[in-house]
N, C-alpha and C. Protein backbone atom coordinates (compact mmCIF):
# COMPACT_ATOMS: atom_id res chain seq x y z
N MET A 1 -17.89 -11.57 1.05
CA MET A 1 -16.41 -11.57 1.41
C MET A 1 -16.09 -11.88 2.82
N GLN A 2 -15.28 -12.93 3.01
CA GLN A 2 -14.91 -13.24 4.34
C GLN A 2 -13.59 -12.49 4.74
N VAL A 3 -13.74 -11.81 5.84
CA VAL A 3 -12.57 -10.97 6.31
C VAL A 3 -11.62 -11.87 7.05
N THR A 4 -10.60 -12.34 6.32
CA THR A 4 -9.47 -13.11 7.02
C THR A 4 -8.28 -12.18 7.18
N ILE A 5 -8.21 -11.67 8.40
CA ILE A 5 -7.17 -10.69 8.72
C ILE A 5 -6.45 -10.94 9.96
N GLU A 6 -5.19 -10.63 9.96
CA GLU A 6 -4.34 -10.90 11.08
C GLU A 6 -4.88 -10.38 12.41
N PRO A 7 -4.76 -11.09 13.51
CA PRO A 7 -5.39 -10.71 14.80
C PRO A 7 -5.24 -9.40 15.34
N THR A 8 -4.03 -8.82 15.22
CA THR A 8 -3.77 -7.47 15.82
C THR A 8 -4.62 -6.50 14.99
N TRP A 9 -4.75 -6.59 13.73
CA TRP A 9 -5.55 -5.67 12.89
C TRP A 9 -7.04 -5.90 13.14
N LYS A 10 -7.40 -7.22 13.32
CA LYS A 10 -8.79 -7.51 13.59
C LYS A 10 -9.20 -6.80 14.90
N ALA A 11 -8.35 -6.83 15.84
CA ALA A 11 -8.77 -6.03 17.11
C ALA A 11 -8.80 -4.60 16.90
N ILE A 12 -7.84 -4.00 16.23
CA ILE A 12 -7.77 -2.54 15.98
C ILE A 12 -8.98 -2.08 15.21
N LEU A 13 -9.37 -2.89 14.21
CA LEU A 13 -10.40 -2.44 13.25
C LEU A 13 -11.85 -3.12 13.51
N LYS A 14 -11.93 -3.68 14.77
CA LYS A 14 -13.14 -4.40 15.03
C LYS A 14 -14.40 -3.52 14.90
N ASP A 15 -14.33 -2.32 15.33
CA ASP A 15 -15.50 -1.38 15.27
C ASP A 15 -15.78 -1.10 13.77
N GLU A 16 -14.78 -0.99 12.97
CA GLU A 16 -14.92 -0.64 11.52
C GLU A 16 -15.70 -1.74 10.80
N PHE A 17 -15.44 -2.95 11.18
CA PHE A 17 -16.07 -4.06 10.48
C PHE A 17 -17.54 -4.13 10.88
N GLU A 18 -17.99 -3.57 11.93
CA GLU A 18 -19.35 -3.57 12.31
C GLU A 18 -20.19 -2.39 11.73
N LYS A 19 -19.56 -1.42 11.07
CA LYS A 19 -20.31 -0.29 10.51
C LYS A 19 -21.18 -0.70 9.27
N PRO A 20 -22.23 -0.02 9.15
CA PRO A 20 -23.10 -0.29 7.97
C PRO A 20 -22.40 -0.21 6.69
N TYR A 21 -21.47 0.69 6.50
CA TYR A 21 -20.77 0.84 5.15
C TYR A 21 -19.98 -0.42 4.81
N PHE A 22 -19.39 -0.96 5.87
CA PHE A 22 -18.56 -2.17 5.65
C PHE A 22 -19.31 -3.41 5.35
N LYS A 23 -20.48 -3.42 5.93
CA LYS A 23 -21.40 -4.57 5.68
C LYS A 23 -21.87 -4.48 4.23
N ASP A 24 -22.24 -3.30 3.79
CA ASP A 24 -22.54 -3.07 2.42
C ASP A 24 -21.45 -3.40 1.47
N LEU A 25 -20.20 -3.01 1.83
CA LEU A 25 -19.09 -3.23 1.02
C LEU A 25 -18.85 -4.76 0.85
N THR A 26 -19.02 -5.47 1.99
CA THR A 26 -18.84 -6.91 2.02
C THR A 26 -19.79 -7.60 1.02
N GLU A 27 -21.02 -7.18 0.97
CA GLU A 27 -22.01 -7.72 0.01
C GLU A 27 -21.69 -7.36 -1.38
N PHE A 28 -21.29 -6.19 -1.59
CA PHE A 28 -20.79 -5.75 -2.96
C PHE A 28 -19.68 -6.62 -3.40
N VAL A 29 -18.69 -6.75 -2.59
CA VAL A 29 -17.42 -7.55 -3.04
C VAL A 29 -17.80 -8.96 -3.29
N LYS A 30 -18.67 -9.58 -2.39
CA LYS A 30 -19.19 -11.01 -2.64
C LYS A 30 -19.88 -11.15 -3.95
N ASP A 31 -20.72 -10.19 -4.28
CA ASP A 31 -21.50 -10.26 -5.46
C ASP A 31 -20.55 -10.16 -6.69
N GLU A 32 -19.58 -9.21 -6.59
CA GLU A 32 -18.62 -8.98 -7.73
C GLU A 32 -17.78 -10.25 -7.99
N TYR A 33 -17.30 -10.82 -6.95
CA TYR A 33 -16.36 -11.98 -7.11
C TYR A 33 -17.22 -13.26 -7.59
N ALA A 34 -18.51 -13.30 -7.21
CA ALA A 34 -19.35 -14.36 -7.72
C ALA A 34 -19.72 -14.25 -9.12
N SER A 35 -19.81 -13.04 -9.65
CA SER A 35 -20.40 -12.78 -10.93
C SER A 35 -19.36 -12.42 -12.05
N THR A 36 -18.26 -12.01 -11.66
CA THR A 36 -17.18 -11.56 -12.63
C THR A 36 -15.80 -11.78 -12.14
N LEU A 37 -14.81 -11.74 -12.99
CA LEU A 37 -13.39 -11.92 -12.60
C LEU A 37 -12.92 -10.64 -11.91
N CYS A 38 -12.42 -10.78 -10.71
CA CYS A 38 -11.88 -9.68 -9.93
C CYS A 38 -10.52 -10.05 -9.38
N PHE A 39 -9.81 -8.98 -9.05
CA PHE A 39 -8.47 -9.10 -8.51
C PHE A 39 -8.30 -8.21 -7.26
N PRO A 40 -7.40 -8.67 -6.29
CA PRO A 40 -6.66 -9.86 -6.32
C PRO A 40 -7.54 -11.12 -5.99
N PRO A 41 -6.95 -12.30 -6.03
CA PRO A 41 -7.75 -13.45 -5.56
C PRO A 41 -8.30 -13.18 -4.15
N ALA A 42 -9.52 -13.67 -3.92
CA ALA A 42 -10.22 -13.36 -2.67
C ALA A 42 -9.37 -13.62 -1.45
N LYS A 43 -8.59 -14.62 -1.45
CA LYS A 43 -7.87 -14.96 -0.25
C LYS A 43 -6.69 -14.06 -0.03
N GLU A 44 -6.41 -13.16 -1.01
CA GLU A 44 -5.25 -12.23 -0.92
C GLU A 44 -5.77 -10.76 -0.66
N ILE A 45 -7.02 -10.48 -0.55
CA ILE A 45 -7.56 -9.14 -0.45
C ILE A 45 -6.83 -8.36 0.68
N PHE A 46 -6.67 -9.06 1.82
CA PHE A 46 -6.04 -8.44 2.99
C PHE A 46 -4.61 -8.88 3.19
N SER A 47 -3.86 -9.18 2.12
CA SER A 47 -2.53 -9.62 2.25
C SER A 47 -1.61 -8.57 2.92
N ALA A 48 -1.86 -7.25 2.65
CA ALA A 48 -0.97 -6.21 3.26
C ALA A 48 -1.02 -6.29 4.71
N PHE A 49 -2.19 -6.53 5.30
CA PHE A 49 -2.37 -6.65 6.79
C PHE A 49 -1.69 -7.90 7.29
N ASN A 50 -1.92 -8.98 6.60
CA ASN A 50 -1.46 -10.31 7.08
C ASN A 50 0.09 -10.39 7.01
N HIS A 51 0.68 -9.64 6.11
CA HIS A 51 2.18 -9.59 6.09
C HIS A 51 2.77 -8.60 7.07
N THR A 52 2.06 -7.56 7.41
CA THR A 52 2.64 -6.44 8.19
C THR A 52 1.63 -6.20 9.34
N HIS A 53 1.90 -6.78 10.47
CA HIS A 53 1.00 -6.61 11.67
C HIS A 53 1.08 -5.25 12.24
N PHE A 54 -0.10 -4.82 12.91
CA PHE A 54 -0.19 -3.43 13.26
C PHE A 54 0.97 -2.87 14.06
N GLU A 55 1.46 -3.61 15.03
CA GLU A 55 2.58 -3.18 15.88
C GLU A 55 3.88 -3.25 15.11
N GLU A 56 4.00 -3.87 13.98
CA GLU A 56 5.21 -4.07 13.29
C GLU A 56 5.39 -3.03 12.13
N VAL A 57 4.33 -2.28 11.88
CA VAL A 57 4.44 -1.31 10.79
C VAL A 57 5.51 -0.26 11.14
N LYS A 58 6.40 0.02 10.10
CA LYS A 58 7.40 1.08 10.26
C LYS A 58 7.13 2.12 9.10
N VAL A 59 6.67 1.61 7.94
CA VAL A 59 6.56 2.51 6.87
C VAL A 59 5.18 2.22 6.18
N VAL A 60 4.50 3.29 5.68
CA VAL A 60 3.27 3.12 5.00
C VAL A 60 3.44 3.67 3.64
N ILE A 61 3.20 2.83 2.52
CA ILE A 61 3.16 3.30 1.14
C ILE A 61 1.76 3.17 0.70
N ILE A 62 1.26 4.20 0.16
CA ILE A 62 -0.18 4.27 -0.31
C ILE A 62 -0.27 4.22 -1.78
N GLY A 63 -0.97 3.24 -2.30
CA GLY A 63 -1.28 3.15 -3.72
C GLY A 63 -2.68 3.49 -3.93
N GLN A 64 -3.23 3.18 -5.18
CA GLN A 64 -4.64 3.46 -5.52
C GLN A 64 -5.39 2.17 -5.69
N ASP A 65 -5.58 1.76 -6.95
CA ASP A 65 -6.22 0.47 -7.26
C ASP A 65 -5.26 -0.71 -7.29
N PRO A 66 -5.73 -1.92 -7.04
CA PRO A 66 -4.90 -3.08 -7.46
C PRO A 66 -4.71 -3.12 -8.94
N TYR A 67 -3.71 -3.77 -9.41
CA TYR A 67 -3.50 -4.03 -10.80
C TYR A 67 -4.74 -4.81 -11.36
N HIS A 68 -5.20 -4.52 -12.58
CA HIS A 68 -6.42 -5.20 -13.08
C HIS A 68 -6.12 -6.22 -14.18
N GLY A 69 -4.79 -6.51 -14.37
CA GLY A 69 -4.47 -7.52 -15.36
C GLY A 69 -4.36 -8.92 -14.71
N PRO A 70 -4.44 -10.02 -15.47
CA PRO A 70 -4.34 -11.32 -14.96
C PRO A 70 -3.07 -11.56 -14.28
N GLY A 71 -3.09 -12.14 -13.07
CA GLY A 71 -1.86 -12.63 -12.35
C GLY A 71 -1.03 -11.52 -11.75
N GLN A 72 -1.49 -10.27 -11.85
CA GLN A 72 -0.57 -9.19 -11.27
C GLN A 72 -0.88 -8.93 -9.76
N ALA A 73 -2.12 -8.53 -9.44
CA ALA A 73 -2.39 -8.04 -8.07
C ALA A 73 -2.33 -9.23 -7.13
N HIS A 74 -1.75 -9.07 -6.00
CA HIS A 74 -1.79 -10.06 -4.94
C HIS A 74 -1.92 -9.42 -3.60
N GLY A 75 -2.44 -8.26 -3.51
CA GLY A 75 -2.86 -7.64 -2.18
C GLY A 75 -1.89 -6.66 -1.61
N LEU A 76 -0.79 -6.39 -2.33
CA LEU A 76 0.23 -5.42 -1.88
C LEU A 76 0.41 -4.35 -2.90
N CYS A 77 0.28 -3.13 -2.57
CA CYS A 77 0.34 -2.07 -3.64
C CYS A 77 1.70 -2.06 -4.28
N PHE A 78 1.66 -1.79 -5.54
CA PHE A 78 2.83 -1.80 -6.49
C PHE A 78 3.43 -3.11 -6.72
N SER A 79 3.15 -4.11 -5.94
CA SER A 79 3.83 -5.46 -6.03
C SER A 79 3.13 -6.32 -7.02
N VAL A 80 3.85 -7.20 -7.62
CA VAL A 80 3.38 -8.32 -8.46
C VAL A 80 4.11 -9.64 -8.08
N GLY A 81 3.52 -10.69 -8.56
CA GLY A 81 4.17 -12.04 -8.30
C GLY A 81 5.45 -12.18 -8.91
N GLU A 82 6.19 -13.19 -8.48
CA GLU A 82 7.57 -13.40 -8.96
C GLU A 82 7.75 -13.61 -10.46
N ASN A 83 6.66 -14.29 -11.04
CA ASN A 83 6.80 -14.65 -12.40
C ASN A 83 6.06 -13.66 -13.34
N VAL A 84 5.72 -12.45 -12.87
CA VAL A 84 4.98 -11.51 -13.63
C VAL A 84 5.99 -10.38 -14.05
N ALA A 85 5.81 -9.89 -15.20
CA ALA A 85 6.71 -8.70 -15.66
C ALA A 85 6.55 -7.53 -14.71
N VAL A 86 7.69 -6.93 -14.47
CA VAL A 86 7.63 -5.70 -13.52
C VAL A 86 6.92 -4.55 -14.19
N PRO A 87 5.87 -4.06 -13.65
CA PRO A 87 5.15 -2.90 -14.20
C PRO A 87 6.02 -1.61 -14.23
N PRO A 88 5.69 -0.64 -15.14
CA PRO A 88 6.47 0.52 -15.31
C PRO A 88 6.69 1.39 -14.06
N SER A 89 5.64 1.54 -13.28
CA SER A 89 5.80 2.36 -12.01
C SER A 89 6.88 1.65 -11.11
N LEU A 90 6.76 0.34 -10.91
CA LEU A 90 7.60 -0.37 -10.06
C LEU A 90 9.08 -0.34 -10.57
N LYS A 91 9.25 -0.42 -11.94
CA LYS A 91 10.51 -0.23 -12.51
C LYS A 91 11.23 1.15 -12.08
N ASN A 92 10.31 2.20 -12.06
CA ASN A 92 10.85 3.46 -11.70
C ASN A 92 11.11 3.54 -10.14
N ILE A 93 10.29 2.83 -9.39
CA ILE A 93 10.64 2.78 -7.94
C ILE A 93 11.94 2.03 -7.73
N PHE A 94 12.27 1.01 -8.45
CA PHE A 94 13.45 0.23 -8.32
C PHE A 94 14.63 1.12 -8.80
N GLY A 95 14.36 1.93 -9.83
CA GLY A 95 15.39 2.80 -10.37
C GLY A 95 15.86 3.84 -9.44
N GLU A 96 14.85 4.43 -8.68
CA GLU A 96 15.16 5.41 -7.66
C GLU A 96 15.88 4.82 -6.46
N ILE A 97 15.53 3.62 -6.07
CA ILE A 97 16.26 2.93 -5.04
C ILE A 97 17.72 2.76 -5.44
N LYS A 98 17.90 2.32 -6.59
CA LYS A 98 19.42 2.10 -7.17
C LYS A 98 20.20 3.35 -7.08
N THR A 99 19.59 4.45 -7.53
CA THR A 99 20.39 5.67 -7.56
C THR A 99 20.47 6.34 -6.14
N ASP A 100 19.51 6.04 -5.37
CA ASP A 100 19.40 6.72 -4.01
C ASP A 100 20.40 5.96 -2.95
N ILE A 101 20.27 4.66 -2.92
CA ILE A 101 21.05 3.94 -1.93
C ILE A 101 21.98 2.94 -2.54
N GLY A 102 22.05 2.77 -3.83
CA GLY A 102 23.02 1.99 -4.56
C GLY A 102 22.81 0.48 -4.56
N SER A 103 21.61 0.04 -4.08
CA SER A 103 21.34 -1.37 -4.21
C SER A 103 21.03 -1.85 -5.60
N SER A 104 21.35 -3.09 -5.94
CA SER A 104 21.15 -3.57 -7.21
C SER A 104 19.63 -3.87 -7.53
N LEU A 105 19.28 -3.89 -8.79
CA LEU A 105 17.94 -4.08 -9.21
C LEU A 105 17.51 -5.50 -8.85
N PRO A 106 16.28 -5.66 -8.22
CA PRO A 106 15.86 -7.07 -7.85
C PRO A 106 15.54 -7.82 -9.16
N HIS A 107 15.32 -9.18 -8.96
CA HIS A 107 15.11 -10.05 -10.07
C HIS A 107 13.59 -10.10 -10.40
N ASN A 108 12.75 -9.65 -9.48
CA ASN A 108 11.30 -9.69 -9.69
C ASN A 108 10.60 -8.57 -8.96
N GLY A 109 9.37 -8.41 -9.16
CA GLY A 109 8.56 -7.32 -8.52
C GLY A 109 7.78 -7.70 -7.31
N ASN A 110 8.05 -8.82 -6.75
CA ASN A 110 7.39 -9.25 -5.48
C ASN A 110 7.92 -8.50 -4.29
N LEU A 111 7.08 -7.63 -3.69
CA LEU A 111 7.47 -6.80 -2.60
C LEU A 111 7.16 -7.39 -1.20
N GLU A 112 6.87 -8.73 -1.20
CA GLU A 112 6.61 -9.31 0.16
C GLU A 112 7.74 -9.10 1.06
N ARG A 113 8.98 -8.99 0.55
CA ARG A 113 10.21 -8.86 1.32
C ARG A 113 10.11 -7.54 2.05
N TRP A 114 9.58 -6.48 1.44
CA TRP A 114 9.38 -5.25 2.15
C TRP A 114 8.28 -5.36 3.18
N ALA A 115 7.19 -5.98 2.82
CA ALA A 115 6.05 -6.15 3.81
C ALA A 115 6.47 -6.83 5.04
N ASP A 116 7.31 -7.83 4.89
CA ASP A 116 7.72 -8.68 6.03
C ASP A 116 8.73 -7.96 6.93
N GLN A 117 9.20 -6.78 6.44
CA GLN A 117 10.09 -5.90 7.25
C GLN A 117 9.35 -4.72 7.91
N GLY A 118 8.03 -4.67 7.71
CA GLY A 118 7.24 -3.64 8.33
C GLY A 118 6.79 -2.54 7.38
N VAL A 119 6.80 -2.77 6.06
CA VAL A 119 6.34 -1.76 5.09
C VAL A 119 4.85 -2.11 4.78
N LEU A 120 3.93 -1.37 5.23
CA LEU A 120 2.54 -1.62 4.83
C LEU A 120 2.23 -1.09 3.47
N LEU A 121 1.98 -2.04 2.59
CA LEU A 121 1.77 -1.64 1.08
C LEU A 121 0.30 -1.56 0.89
N LEU A 122 -0.37 -0.40 1.13
CA LEU A 122 -1.74 -0.27 1.25
C LEU A 122 -2.39 0.48 0.03
N ASN A 123 -3.21 -0.19 -0.72
CA ASN A 123 -3.97 0.44 -1.77
C ASN A 123 -5.17 1.10 -1.18
N ALA A 124 -5.60 2.20 -1.73
CA ALA A 124 -6.78 2.88 -1.21
C ALA A 124 -8.05 2.08 -1.40
N THR A 125 -8.12 1.33 -2.58
CA THR A 125 -9.18 0.37 -2.78
C THR A 125 -8.55 -1.05 -2.98
N LEU A 126 -9.13 -1.96 -2.27
CA LEU A 126 -8.51 -3.28 -2.12
C LEU A 126 -8.89 -4.27 -3.23
N THR A 127 -9.94 -4.04 -4.04
CA THR A 127 -10.39 -4.88 -5.04
C THR A 127 -10.65 -4.18 -6.35
N VAL A 128 -10.76 -4.92 -7.50
CA VAL A 128 -11.08 -4.30 -8.80
C VAL A 128 -11.50 -5.31 -9.70
N ARG A 129 -12.38 -4.97 -10.70
CA ARG A 129 -12.78 -5.89 -11.81
C ARG A 129 -11.60 -6.01 -12.74
N ALA A 130 -11.51 -7.21 -13.26
CA ALA A 130 -10.46 -7.45 -14.38
C ALA A 130 -10.66 -6.44 -15.50
N HIS A 131 -9.59 -5.81 -15.80
CA HIS A 131 -9.47 -4.91 -17.07
C HIS A 131 -10.35 -3.70 -16.86
N GLN A 132 -10.76 -3.41 -15.69
CA GLN A 132 -11.58 -2.20 -15.43
C GLN A 132 -11.06 -1.33 -14.27
N ALA A 133 -10.11 -0.50 -14.56
CA ALA A 133 -9.54 0.27 -13.47
C ALA A 133 -10.54 1.13 -12.83
N ALA A 134 -10.40 1.29 -11.49
CA ALA A 134 -11.28 2.12 -10.67
C ALA A 134 -12.76 1.56 -10.53
N SER A 135 -12.98 0.36 -10.91
CA SER A 135 -14.32 -0.22 -10.96
C SER A 135 -14.84 -0.42 -9.61
N HIS A 136 -14.04 -0.50 -8.60
CA HIS A 136 -14.54 -0.75 -7.21
C HIS A 136 -14.29 0.44 -6.31
N GLN A 137 -14.05 1.62 -6.93
CA GLN A 137 -13.91 2.88 -6.17
C GLN A 137 -15.34 3.35 -5.75
N ASN A 138 -15.29 4.07 -4.67
CA ASN A 138 -16.58 4.65 -4.05
C ASN A 138 -17.56 3.66 -3.71
N LYS A 139 -17.13 2.44 -3.22
CA LYS A 139 -18.02 1.41 -2.75
C LYS A 139 -17.78 1.20 -1.23
N GLY A 140 -16.83 1.90 -0.69
CA GLY A 140 -16.62 1.75 0.80
C GLY A 140 -15.17 1.48 1.19
N TRP A 141 -14.38 1.06 0.22
CA TRP A 141 -12.97 0.69 0.51
C TRP A 141 -12.20 1.94 0.99
N GLU A 142 -12.47 3.06 0.46
CA GLU A 142 -11.80 4.36 0.80
C GLU A 142 -12.05 4.69 2.24
N LYS A 143 -13.22 4.49 2.70
CA LYS A 143 -13.55 4.75 4.15
C LYS A 143 -12.78 3.77 4.96
N PHE A 144 -12.69 2.58 4.63
CA PHE A 144 -11.96 1.56 5.42
C PHE A 144 -10.46 1.92 5.40
N THR A 145 -9.88 2.15 4.32
CA THR A 145 -8.43 2.46 4.37
C THR A 145 -8.14 3.80 4.95
N ASP A 146 -9.07 4.74 4.91
CA ASP A 146 -8.86 6.00 5.71
C ASP A 146 -8.83 5.73 7.19
N ALA A 147 -9.62 4.71 7.59
CA ALA A 147 -9.65 4.41 9.05
C ALA A 147 -8.39 3.76 9.40
N VAL A 148 -7.83 2.88 8.52
CA VAL A 148 -6.49 2.30 8.83
C VAL A 148 -5.39 3.32 8.99
N ILE A 149 -5.38 4.32 8.15
CA ILE A 149 -4.34 5.39 8.18
C ILE A 149 -4.59 6.23 9.51
N GLU A 150 -5.81 6.48 9.80
CA GLU A 150 -6.10 7.24 11.09
C GLU A 150 -5.61 6.47 12.32
N LYS A 151 -5.89 5.21 12.31
CA LYS A 151 -5.50 4.35 13.43
C LYS A 151 -3.98 4.35 13.61
N LEU A 152 -3.28 4.23 12.53
CA LEU A 152 -1.83 4.24 12.52
C LEU A 152 -1.29 5.61 12.95
N SER A 153 -1.79 6.62 12.51
CA SER A 153 -1.43 8.02 12.82
C SER A 153 -1.63 8.28 14.31
N LYS A 154 -2.70 7.87 14.89
CA LYS A 154 -3.11 8.20 16.20
C LYS A 154 -2.43 7.26 17.24
N GLU A 155 -2.38 5.99 16.99
CA GLU A 155 -1.97 4.99 17.93
C GLU A 155 -0.52 4.48 17.89
N ARG A 156 0.22 4.91 16.80
CA ARG A 156 1.56 4.62 16.67
C ARG A 156 2.36 5.88 16.61
N GLU A 157 3.71 5.72 16.78
CA GLU A 157 4.57 6.86 16.66
C GLU A 157 5.82 6.48 15.82
N GLY A 158 6.45 7.51 15.24
CA GLY A 158 7.68 7.27 14.51
C GLY A 158 7.58 6.52 13.20
N LEU A 159 6.42 6.64 12.52
CA LEU A 159 6.23 5.89 11.26
C LEU A 159 6.66 6.83 10.18
N VAL A 160 6.88 6.25 8.94
CA VAL A 160 7.16 6.98 7.78
C VAL A 160 6.02 6.76 6.71
N PHE A 161 5.35 7.82 6.34
CA PHE A 161 4.29 7.76 5.34
C PHE A 161 4.85 8.24 4.00
N MET A 162 4.86 7.42 2.95
CA MET A 162 5.31 7.82 1.63
C MET A 162 4.08 8.02 0.77
N LEU A 163 3.93 9.33 0.41
CA LEU A 163 2.78 9.72 -0.31
C LEU A 163 3.14 10.14 -1.75
N TRP A 164 2.88 9.33 -2.77
CA TRP A 164 3.35 9.54 -4.06
C TRP A 164 2.22 9.88 -5.07
N GLY A 165 2.16 11.09 -5.52
CA GLY A 165 1.06 11.51 -6.39
C GLY A 165 -0.08 12.14 -5.62
N GLY A 166 -0.91 12.91 -6.43
CA GLY A 166 -1.98 13.68 -5.78
C GLY A 166 -2.95 12.76 -4.91
N PRO A 167 -3.47 11.72 -5.40
CA PRO A 167 -4.38 11.00 -4.56
C PRO A 167 -3.85 10.43 -3.26
N ALA A 168 -2.57 10.01 -3.28
CA ALA A 168 -1.88 9.51 -2.10
C ALA A 168 -1.75 10.73 -1.15
N LYS A 169 -1.28 11.86 -1.59
CA LYS A 169 -1.12 13.03 -0.70
C LYS A 169 -2.48 13.42 -0.12
N LYS A 170 -3.47 13.37 -0.88
CA LYS A 170 -4.82 13.67 -0.26
C LYS A 170 -5.22 12.69 0.75
N LYS A 171 -4.98 11.42 0.55
CA LYS A 171 -5.38 10.31 1.51
C LYS A 171 -4.59 10.47 2.73
N GLY A 172 -3.29 10.86 2.72
CA GLY A 172 -2.49 11.04 3.91
C GLY A 172 -2.47 12.36 4.45
N ALA A 173 -3.34 13.28 4.08
CA ALA A 173 -3.26 14.66 4.49
C ALA A 173 -3.47 14.89 5.98
N LYS A 174 -4.19 13.87 6.68
CA LYS A 174 -4.46 13.98 8.12
C LYS A 174 -3.49 13.35 8.96
N VAL A 175 -2.43 12.71 8.46
CA VAL A 175 -1.43 12.13 9.29
C VAL A 175 -0.76 13.20 10.14
N ASP A 176 -0.56 12.87 11.42
CA ASP A 176 0.03 13.81 12.40
C ASP A 176 1.56 13.90 12.17
N THR A 177 1.92 14.97 11.56
CA THR A 177 3.28 15.25 11.24
C THR A 177 4.18 15.50 12.46
N SER A 178 3.53 15.71 13.62
CA SER A 178 4.28 15.95 14.84
C SER A 178 4.78 14.61 15.41
N LYS A 179 4.17 13.52 14.98
CA LYS A 179 4.50 12.12 15.41
C LYS A 179 5.22 11.29 14.39
N HIS A 180 5.05 11.68 13.11
CA HIS A 180 5.47 10.79 11.96
C HIS A 180 6.16 11.55 10.96
N LEU A 181 7.02 10.90 10.15
CA LEU A 181 7.64 11.51 9.00
C LEU A 181 6.70 11.30 7.81
N VAL A 182 6.40 12.42 7.07
CA VAL A 182 5.53 12.30 5.84
C VAL A 182 6.44 12.80 4.70
N LEU A 183 6.62 11.87 3.69
CA LEU A 183 7.43 12.16 2.55
C LEU A 183 6.58 12.18 1.26
N THR A 184 6.59 13.30 0.52
CA THR A 184 5.73 13.41 -0.62
C THR A 184 6.57 13.62 -1.89
N SER A 185 6.06 13.22 -2.94
CA SER A 185 6.66 13.46 -4.34
C SER A 185 5.64 13.09 -5.36
N GLY A 186 6.05 13.25 -6.66
CA GLY A 186 5.21 12.81 -7.75
C GLY A 186 5.08 11.32 -7.76
N HIS A 187 4.15 10.82 -8.53
CA HIS A 187 3.98 9.38 -8.70
C HIS A 187 5.04 8.73 -9.48
N PRO A 188 5.37 7.50 -9.17
CA PRO A 188 6.44 6.87 -10.02
C PRO A 188 6.06 6.45 -11.38
N SER A 189 4.90 6.64 -11.77
CA SER A 189 4.37 6.36 -13.16
C SER A 189 5.25 7.02 -14.16
N PRO A 190 5.39 6.46 -15.35
CA PRO A 190 6.28 6.99 -16.34
C PRO A 190 5.90 8.53 -16.70
N LEU A 191 4.56 8.79 -16.79
CA LEU A 191 4.17 10.12 -17.02
C LEU A 191 4.75 11.19 -16.09
N ALA A 192 4.57 10.84 -14.79
CA ALA A 192 5.11 11.88 -13.75
C ALA A 192 6.62 11.78 -13.71
N ALA A 193 7.15 10.56 -13.75
CA ALA A 193 8.58 10.39 -13.57
C ALA A 193 9.37 11.03 -14.63
N ASN A 194 8.87 10.97 -15.88
CA ASN A 194 9.51 11.58 -17.07
C ASN A 194 9.49 13.12 -17.07
N ARG A 195 8.53 13.57 -16.25
CA ARG A 195 8.51 15.07 -16.11
C ARG A 195 9.32 15.63 -14.95
N GLY A 196 10.02 14.69 -14.31
CA GLY A 196 10.94 15.10 -13.19
C GLY A 196 10.22 15.18 -11.87
N TYR A 197 9.10 14.44 -11.66
CA TYR A 197 8.45 14.60 -10.36
C TYR A 197 8.67 13.38 -9.49
N TRP A 198 9.50 12.44 -9.94
CA TRP A 198 9.76 11.24 -9.18
C TRP A 198 11.28 11.02 -8.80
N PHE A 199 12.12 10.95 -9.80
CA PHE A 199 13.52 10.63 -9.65
C PHE A 199 14.18 11.66 -8.83
N GLY A 200 15.01 11.26 -7.94
CA GLY A 200 15.70 12.17 -7.02
C GLY A 200 15.02 12.48 -5.66
N ASN A 201 13.87 11.90 -5.44
CA ASN A 201 13.23 12.24 -4.22
C ASN A 201 13.85 11.73 -2.93
N LYS A 202 14.79 10.70 -3.12
CA LYS A 202 15.56 10.13 -2.04
C LYS A 202 14.69 9.63 -0.85
N HIS A 203 13.51 9.14 -1.16
CA HIS A 203 12.60 8.76 -0.02
C HIS A 203 13.23 7.52 0.74
N PHE A 204 13.93 6.66 0.04
CA PHE A 204 14.30 5.44 0.62
C PHE A 204 15.46 5.68 1.61
N SER A 205 16.41 6.51 1.27
CA SER A 205 17.50 6.91 2.20
C SER A 205 16.98 7.72 3.33
N LYS A 206 16.05 8.63 3.01
CA LYS A 206 15.50 9.44 4.11
C LYS A 206 14.67 8.61 5.11
N THR A 207 13.95 7.58 4.53
CA THR A 207 13.21 6.62 5.46
C THR A 207 14.11 5.96 6.42
N ASN A 208 15.18 5.44 5.84
CA ASN A 208 16.10 4.67 6.71
C ASN A 208 16.83 5.57 7.75
N GLU A 209 17.21 6.67 7.31
CA GLU A 209 17.87 7.69 8.28
C GLU A 209 16.91 7.96 9.39
N TYR A 210 15.66 8.14 9.11
CA TYR A 210 14.66 8.47 10.11
C TYR A 210 14.43 7.25 11.01
N LEU A 211 14.34 6.07 10.49
CA LEU A 211 14.15 4.87 11.29
C LEU A 211 15.29 4.65 12.21
N ILE A 212 16.50 4.85 11.74
CA ILE A 212 17.73 4.65 12.50
C ILE A 212 17.63 5.65 13.63
N GLY A 213 17.31 6.91 13.28
CA GLY A 213 17.24 7.91 14.38
C GLY A 213 16.21 7.65 15.48
N LYS A 214 15.24 6.72 15.12
CA LYS A 214 14.21 6.39 16.14
C LYS A 214 14.61 5.05 16.76
N GLY A 215 15.85 4.58 16.51
CA GLY A 215 16.25 3.33 17.13
C GLY A 215 15.61 2.03 16.52
N LYS A 216 15.21 2.24 15.26
CA LYS A 216 14.55 1.02 14.54
C LYS A 216 15.49 0.58 13.53
N LYS A 217 15.32 -0.69 13.14
CA LYS A 217 16.04 -1.28 12.08
C LYS A 217 15.74 -0.74 10.77
N PRO A 218 16.66 -0.27 9.91
CA PRO A 218 16.23 0.27 8.60
C PRO A 218 15.68 -0.91 7.63
N ILE A 219 15.00 -0.41 6.55
CA ILE A 219 14.50 -1.39 5.66
C ILE A 219 15.54 -1.76 4.57
N ASP A 220 15.64 -3.07 4.37
CA ASP A 220 16.51 -3.51 3.26
C ASP A 220 15.77 -3.47 1.97
N TRP A 221 15.87 -2.29 1.29
CA TRP A 221 15.09 -2.06 0.06
C TRP A 221 15.60 -3.01 -1.07
């Protein structure tokens, strides 16, 4: 795996790339991509970082695995390409945005427009085998993305962390709430949403109110 990552992140995470676990992870990912179909495409593994530079991050949304179906994952959590059907969780995200702030439903599920405004769309695990959910968990990605969250918590101020569902809440548990806004709710998956754990959380309006209060430009959701 060749780490092609935006220069500010490369500098911030320099020590992480030198650790034994990351070198082992690199070899694992290289072997997986050489021997089987994996997602996202290799050149898009670090897309979240390349779209949202370290000093430009305003909001962090934490997902789990990349989508494992053909053509879906492109390196941003919850996001899919413009010509791909919008997955159920993302439909529920868009539904909450519409009722929360009144914006119309978008034409596709590509969230690059969020990433380019400062929303870091970070999966806990950055790669996956095709059709095999969780197949690249516990190989080192979680340590890496924990380090990313820790760097943001310690070295930045006034960020919003959106933690949806148990795994995301656990992953963001060490975020410094004296410096950042942490918003939690159920996951937007149909299972959780239909039980009343997602809709009505108003995370998108709360985020923008907080950003404006910090003198930052709100996100055009």
